[in-house]
Structure formats: structure tokens, C-alpha cells
Amino acid sequence: MNQLTKKRIGCPYCGETIKVLIDSADVDQQYIEDCQVCCKPIIFLVSESIDGDLDVNVYSEDDAF
């Protein structure tokens, strides 16, 4: 069973802090989810830190990564 983790992220468009649920099965995955405030598409990159925690990086569609 996959574990869901609550994370707070800052929207790269409007700057609002929003709460999201991250699925542990999404490690090393990229996906898009709309901001709950401004509705613009946020690109999520999920990785696992050395100590086993989930790290979430977010980008706008205009950001180069």
C-alpha cells in the first residue's frame, strides 16, 4: 500500500502556499497538477532524500529544469 504524505508548496505563479498530497509511488516521477488558488498548471518533481523523506520541487511551465 502506498503512503500519502502532506506537503506544503509555494505556487510558482501566484506565490500562495498550498497543501498537496504526495503519493510515495510518485518518487522519481514528474506530473502536473493545477494550483488550487490560481488554477495554473504546476509541474511537480518528486524525489526521495537520503534519509527517506519525500522531496517535492515545483516549477512553472516557463521554468527550465
PDB file of N, CA and C in Angstrom:
ATOM      1  N   MET A   1       0.834  -1.184   0.000  1.00  0.00           N
ATOM      2  CA  MET A   1       0.000   0.000   0.000  1.00  0.00           C
ATOM      3  C   MET A   1       0.878   1.247   0.000  1.00  0.00           C
ATOM      4  N   ASN A   2       0.572   2.183  -0.890  1.00  0.00           N
ATOM      5  CA  ASN A   2       1.346   3.416  -0.996  1.00  0.00           C
ATOM      6  C   ASN A   2       0.916   4.402   0.080  1.00  0.00           C
ATOM      7  N   GLN A   3       1.894   5.131   0.568  1.00  0.00           N
ATOM      8  CA  GLN A   3       1.638   6.093   1.623  1.00  0.00           C
ATOM      9  C   GLN A   3       1.496   7.491   1.027  1.00  0.00           C
ATOM     10  N   LEU A   4       0.499   8.239   1.514  1.00  0.00           N
ATOM     11  CA  LEU A   4       0.317   9.620   1.109  1.00  0.00           C
ATOM     12  C   LEU A   4       0.955  10.529   2.154  1.00  0.00           C
ATOM     13  N   THR A   5       1.678  11.539   1.674  1.00  0.00           N
ATOM     14  CA  THR A   5       2.357  12.476   2.549  1.00  0.00           C
ATOM     15  C   THR A   5       1.859  13.879   2.247  1.00  0.00           C
ATOM     16  N   LYS A   6       1.479  14.616   3.301  1.00  0.00           N
ATOM     17  CA  LYS A   6       1.059  16.003   3.119  1.00  0.00           C
ATOM     18  C   LYS A   6       2.289  16.888   3.027  1.00  0.00           C
ATOM     19  N   LYS A   7       2.299  17.754   2.030  1.00  0.00           N
ATOM     20  CA  LYS A   7       3.388  18.710   1.849  1.00  0.00           C
ATOM     21  C   LYS A   7       2.793  20.082   1.583  1.00  0.00           C
ATOM     22  N   ARG A   8       3.518  21.103   1.967  1.00  0.00           N
ATOM     23  CA  ARG A   8       3.159  22.483   1.619  1.00  0.00           C
ATOM     24  C   ARG A   8       4.115  22.937   0.534  1.00  0.00           C
ATOM     25  N   ILE A   9       3.557  23.499  -0.512  1.00  0.00           N
ATOM     26  CA  ILE A   9       4.397  24.007  -1.601  1.00  0.00           C
ATOM     27  C   ILE A   9       3.970  25.441  -1.900  1.00  0.00           C
ATOM     28  N   GLY A  10       4.871  26.182  -2.491  1.00  0.00           N
ATOM     29  CA  GLY A  10       4.560  27.533  -2.944  1.00  0.00           C
ATOM     30  C   GLY A  10       4.301  27.505  -4.434  1.00  0.00           C
ATOM     31  N   CYS A  11       3.167  28.026  -4.852  1.00  0.00           N
ATOM     32  CA  CYS A  11       2.844  28.052  -6.277  1.00  0.00           C
ATOM     33  C   CYS A  11       3.859  28.939  -6.997  1.00  0.00           C
ATOM     34  N   PRO A  12       4.464  28.436  -8.086  1.00  0.00           N
ATOM     35  CA  PRO A  12       5.448  29.238  -8.814  1.00  0.00           C
ATOM     36  C   PRO A  12       4.813  30.402  -9.602  1.00  0.00           C
ATOM     37  N   TYR A  13       3.497  30.439  -9.674  1.00  0.00           N
ATOM     38  CA  TYR A  13       2.800  31.518 -10.384  1.00  0.00           C
ATOM     39  C   TYR A  13       2.311  32.604  -9.431  1.00  0.00           C
ATOM     40  N   CYS A  14       1.459  32.222  -8.477  1.00  0.00           N
ATOM     41  CA  CYS A  14       0.821  33.221  -7.609  1.00  0.00           C
ATOM     42  C   CYS A  14       1.513  33.366  -6.260  1.00  0.00           C
ATOM     43  N   GLY A  15       2.411  32.424  -5.910  1.00  0.00           N
ATOM     44  CA  GLY A  15       3.154  32.507  -4.670  1.00  0.00           C
ATOM     45  C   GLY A  15       2.412  32.011  -3.442  1.00  0.00           C
ATOM     46  N   GLU A  16       1.153  31.635  -3.582  1.00  0.00           N
ATOM     47  CA  GLU A  16       0.384  31.133  -2.439  1.00  0.00           C
ATOM     48  C   GLU A  16       0.922  29.778  -1.983  1.00  0.00           C
ATOM     49  N   THR A  17       0.917  29.569  -0.674  1.00  0.00           N
ATOM     50  CA  THR A  17       1.284  28.275  -0.118  1.00  0.00           C
ATOM     51  C   THR A  17       0.044  27.397  -0.114  1.00  0.00           C
ATOM     52  N   ILE A  18       0.168  26.220  -0.715  1.00  0.00           N
ATOM     53  CA  ILE A  18      -0.962  25.295  -0.774  1.00  0.00           C
ATOM     54  C   ILE A  18      -0.526  23.932  -0.243  1.00  0.00           C
ATOM     55  N   LYS A  19      -1.491  23.184   0.267  1.00  0.00           N
ATOM     56  CA  LYS A  19      -1.240  21.834   0.764  1.00  0.00           C
ATOM     57  C   LYS A  19      -1.557  20.836  -0.344  1.00  0.00           C
ATOM     58  N   VAL A  20      -0.659  19.876  -0.522  1.00  0.00           N
ATOM     59  CA  VAL A  20      -0.866  18.834  -1.525  1.00  0.00           C
ATOM     60  C   VAL A  20      -0.574  17.481  -0.896  1.00  0.00           C
ATOM     61  N   LEU A  21      -1.159  16.444  -1.440  1.00  0.00           N
ATOM     62  CA  LEU A  21      -0.868  15.072  -1.030  1.00  0.00           C
ATOM     63  C   LEU A  21       0.052  14.446  -2.069  1.00  0.00           C
ATOM     64  N   ILE A  22       1.162  13.913  -1.599  1.00  0.00           N
ATOM     65  CA  ILE A  22       2.137  13.279  -2.485  1.00  0.00           C
ATOM     66  C   ILE A  22       2.114  11.783  -2.216  1.00  0.00           C
ATOM     67  N   ASP A  23       1.977  10.998  -3.266  1.00  0.00           N
ATOM     68  CA  ASP A  23       1.961   9.539  -3.174  1.00  0.00           C
ATOM     69  C   ASP A  23       3.403   9.033  -3.230  1.00  0.00           C
ATOM     70  N   SER A  24       3.772   8.163  -2.319  1.00  0.00           N
ATOM     71  CA  SER A  24       5.132   7.630  -2.303  1.00  0.00           C
ATOM     72  C   SER A  24       5.471   6.872  -3.590  1.00  0.00           C
ATOM     73  N   ALA A  25       4.469   6.447  -4.319  1.00  0.00           N
ATOM     74  CA  ALA A  25       4.707   5.766  -5.600  1.00  0.00           C
ATOM     75  C   ALA A  25       5.164   6.737  -6.687  1.00  0.00           C
ATOM     76  N   ASP A  26       5.061   8.034  -6.420  1.00  0.00           N
ATOM     77  CA  ASP A  26       5.448   9.050  -7.402  1.00  0.00           C
ATOM     78  C   ASP A  26       6.923   9.422  -7.356  1.00  0.00           C
ATOM     79  N   VAL A  27       7.730   8.728  -6.527  1.00  0.00           N
ATOM     80  CA  VAL A  27       9.155   9.023  -6.440  1.00  0.00           C
ATOM     81  C   VAL A  27       9.792   8.869  -7.817  1.00  0.00           C
ATOM     82  N   ASP A  28      10.629   9.831  -8.167  1.00  0.00           N
ATOM     83  CA  ASP A  28      11.318   9.890  -9.464  1.00  0.00           C
ATOM     84  C   ASP A  28      10.344  10.073 -10.628  1.00  0.00           C
ATOM     85  N   GLN A  29       9.212  10.676 -10.338  1.00  0.00           N
ATOM     86  CA  GLN A  29       8.207  10.946 -11.369  1.00  0.00           C
ATOM     87  C   GLN A  29       7.995  12.448 -11.516  1.00  0.00           C
ATOM     88  N   GLN A  30       7.485  12.815 -12.653  1.00  0.00           N
ATOM     89  CA  GLN A  30       7.084  14.198 -12.919  1.00  0.00           C
ATOM     90  C   GLN A  30       5.617  14.179 -13.307  1.00  0.00           C
ATOM     91  N   TYR A  31       4.833  15.116 -12.760  1.00  0.00           N
ATOM     92  CA  TYR A  31       3.432  15.219 -13.147  1.00  0.00           C
ATOM     93  C   TYR A  31       2.973  16.656 -12.994  1.00  0.00           C
ATOM     94  N   ILE A  32       1.806  16.954 -13.526  1.00  0.00           N
ATOM     95  CA  ILE A  32       1.251  18.305 -13.496  1.00  0.00           C
ATOM     96  C   ILE A  32      -0.044  18.293 -12.704  1.00  0.00           C
ATOM     97  N   GLU A  33      -0.179  19.283 -11.827  1.00  0.00           N
ATOM     98  CA  GLU A  33      -1.394  19.460 -11.037  1.00  0.00           C
ATOM     99  C   GLU A  33      -1.696  20.955 -11.002  1.00  0.00           C
ATOM    100  N   ASP A  34      -2.950  21.331 -11.172  1.00  0.00           N
ATOM    101  CA  ASP A  34      -3.318  22.746 -11.169  1.00  0.00           C
ATOM    102  C   ASP A  34      -3.282  23.315  -9.764  1.00  0.00           C
ATOM    103  N   CYS A  35      -2.855  24.580  -9.662  1.00  0.00           N
ATOM    104  CA  CYS A  35      -2.853  25.297  -8.393  1.00  0.00           C
ATOM    105  C   CYS A  35      -4.296  25.433  -7.909  1.00  0.00           C
ATOM    106  N   GLN A  36      -4.506  25.227  -6.609  1.00  0.00           N
ATOM    107  CA  GLN A  36      -5.838  25.326  -6.027  1.00  0.00           C
ATOM    108  C   GLN A  36      -6.311  26.770  -5.929  1.00  0.00           C
ATOM    109  N   VAL A  37      -5.385  27.734  -6.068  1.00  0.00           N
ATOM    110  CA  VAL A  37      -5.732  29.150  -5.940  1.00  0.00           C
ATOM    111  C   VAL A  37      -5.897  29.810  -7.309  1.00  0.00           C
ATOM    112  N   CYS A  38      -4.845  29.729  -8.153  1.00  0.00           N
ATOM    113  CA  CYS A  38      -4.877  30.440  -9.430  1.00  0.00           C
ATOM    114  C   CYS A  38      -5.183  29.537 -10.628  1.00  0.00           C
ATOM    115  N   CYS A  39      -5.257  28.229 -10.407  1.00  0.00           N
ATOM    116  CA  CYS A  39      -5.628  27.239 -11.431  1.00  0.00           C
ATOM    117  C   CYS A  39      -4.596  27.058 -12.545  1.00  0.00           C
ATOM    118  N   LYS A  40      -3.409  27.590 -12.385  1.00  0.00           N
ATOM    119  CA  LYS A  40      -2.372  27.393 -13.412  1.00  0.00           C
ATOM    120  C   LYS A  40      -1.663  26.061 -13.162  1.00  0.00           C
ATOM    121  N   PRO A  41      -1.126  25.445 -14.229  1.00  0.00           N
ATOM    122  CA  PRO A  41      -0.525  24.111 -14.105  1.00  0.00           C
ATOM    123  C   PRO A  41       0.865  24.152 -13.459  1.00  0.00           C
ATOM    124  N   ILE A  42       1.026  23.431 -12.362  1.00  0.00           N
ATOM    125  CA  ILE A  42       2.301  23.339 -11.653  1.00  0.00           C
ATOM    126  C   ILE A  42       2.943  21.997 -12.007  1.00  0.00           C
ATOM    127  N   ILE A  43       4.213  22.035 -12.362  1.00  0.00           N
ATOM    128  CA  ILE A  43       4.963  20.806 -12.638  1.00  0.00           C
ATOM    129  C   ILE A  43       5.601  20.341 -11.332  1.00  0.00           C
ATOM    130  N   PHE A  44       5.303  19.121 -10.936  1.00  0.00           N
ATOM    131  CA  PHE A  44       5.835  18.528  -9.712  1.00  0.00           C
ATOM    132  C   PHE A  44       6.921  17.521 -10.070  1.00  0.00           C
ATOM    133  N   LEU A  45       8.054  17.601  -9.377  1.00  0.00           N
ATOM    134  CA  LEU A  45       9.105  16.593  -9.474  1.00  0.00           C
ATOM    135  C   LEU A  45       9.293  16.026  -8.072  1.00  0.00           C
ATOM    136  N   VAL A  46       9.066  14.734  -7.916  1.00  0.00           N
ATOM    137  CA  VAL A  46       9.120  14.086  -6.607  1.00  0.00           C
ATOM    138  C   VAL A  46      10.363  13.202  -6.550  1.00  0.00           C
ATOM    139  N   SER A  47      11.121  13.350  -5.467  1.00  0.00           N
ATOM    140  CA  SER A  47      12.306  12.511  -5.271  1.00  0.00           C
ATOM    141  C   SER A  47      12.374  12.102  -3.805  1.00  0.00           C
ATOM    142  N   GLU A  48      13.280  11.196  -3.518  1.00  0.00           N
ATOM    143  CA  GLU A  48      13.449  10.723  -2.147  1.00  0.00           C
ATOM    144  C   GLU A  48      14.803  11.195  -1.643  1.00  0.00           C
ATOM    145  N   SER A  49      14.821  11.801  -0.459  1.00  0.00           N
ATOM    146  CA  SER A  49      16.072  12.277   0.129  1.00  0.00           C
ATOM    147  C   SER A  49      16.865  11.104   0.685  1.00  0.00           C
ATOM    148  N   ILE A  50      18.096  11.372   1.086  1.00  0.00           N
ATOM    149  CA  ILE A  50      18.967  10.330   1.629  1.00  0.00           C
ATOM    150  C   ILE A  50      18.359   9.686   2.868  1.00  0.00           C
ATOM    151  N   ASP A  51      17.646  10.493   3.677  1.00  0.00           N
ATOM    152  CA  ASP A  51      17.055   9.950   4.903  1.00  0.00           C
ATOM    153  C   ASP A  51      15.667   9.344   4.685  1.00  0.00           C
ATOM    154  N   GLY A  52      15.236   9.233   3.429  1.00  0.00           N
ATOM    155  CA  GLY A  52      13.988   8.543   3.113  1.00  0.00           C
ATOM    156  C   GLY A  52      12.758   9.425   3.033  1.00  0.00           C
ATOM    157  N   ASP A  53      12.900  10.728   3.268  1.00  0.00           N
ATOM    158  CA  ASP A  53      11.764  11.641   3.152  1.00  0.00           C
ATOM    159  C   ASP A  53      11.500  11.978   1.687  1.00  0.00           C
ATOM    160  N   LEU A  54      10.247  12.343   1.402  1.00  0.00           N
ATOM    161  CA  LEU A  54       9.906  12.762   0.050  1.00  0.00           C
ATOM    162  C   LEU A  54      10.244  14.240  -0.128  1.00  0.00           C
ATOM    163  N   ASP A  55      10.949  14.557  -1.198  1.00  0.00           N
ATOM    164  CA  ASP A  55      11.245  15.936  -1.570  1.00  0.00           C
ATOM    165  C   ASP A  55      10.391  16.282  -2.771  1.00  0.00           C
ATOM    166  N   VAL A  56       9.807  17.473  -2.742  1.00  0.00           N
ATOM    167  CA  VAL A  56       8.957  17.916  -3.835  1.00  0.00           C
ATOM    168  C   VAL A  56       9.480  19.252  -4.347  1.00  0.00           C
ATOM    169  N   ASN A  57       9.782  19.310  -5.627  1.00  0.00           N
ATOM    170  CA  ASN A  57      10.168  20.557  -6.277  1.00  0.00           C
ATOM    171  C   ASN A  57       9.076  20.913  -7.270  1.00  0.00           C
ATOM    172  N   VAL A  58       8.721  22.194  -7.324  1.00  0.00           N
ATOM    173  CA  VAL A  58       7.661  22.631  -8.226  1.00  0.00           C
ATOM    174  C   VAL A  58       8.193  23.704  -9.169  1.00  0.00           C
ATOM    175  N   TYR A  59       7.649  23.703 -10.378  1.00  0.00           N
ATOM    176  CA  TYR A  59       8.082  24.622 -11.418  1.00  0.00           C
ATOM    177  C   TYR A  59       6.874  25.091 -12.222  1.00  0.00           C
ATOM    178  N   SER A  60       7.028  26.266 -12.824  1.00  0.00           N
ATOM    179  CA  SER A  60       6.017  26.719 -13.782  1.00  0.00           C
ATOM    180  C   SER A  60       6.359  26.117 -15.139  1.00  0.00           C
ATOM    181  N   GLU A  61       5.453  26.226 -16.070  1.00  0.00           N
ATOM    182  CA  GLU A  61       5.725  25.696 -17.417  1.00  0.00           C
ATOM    183  C   GLU A  61       6.844  26.454 -18.104  1.00  0.00           C
ATOM    184  N   ASP A  62       7.131  27.689 -17.667  1.00  0.00           N
ATOM    185  CA  ASP A  62       8.165  28.516 -18.279  1.00  0.00           C
ATOM    186  C   ASP A  62       9.555  28.260 -17.705  1.00  0.00           C
ATOM    187  N   ASP A  63       9.631  27.583 -16.537  1.00  0.00           N
ATOM    188  CA  ASP A  63      10.908  27.315 -15.913  1.00  0.00           C
ATOM    189  C   ASP A  63      11.658  26.224 -16.667  1.00  0.00           C
ATOM    190  N   ALA A  64      12.950  26.426 -16.807  1.00  0.00           N
ATOM    191  CA  ALA A  64      13.781  25.396 -17.430  1.00  0.00           C
ATOM    192  C   ALA A  64      14.382  24.542 -16.327  1.00  0.00           C
ATOM    193  N   PHE A  65      14.290  23.230 -16.463  1.00  0.00           N
ATOM    194  CA  PHE A  65      14.875  22.334 -15.461  1.00  0.00           C
ATOM    195  C   PHE A  65      15.473  21.141 -16.116  1.00  0.00           C
TER     196      PHE A  65
END
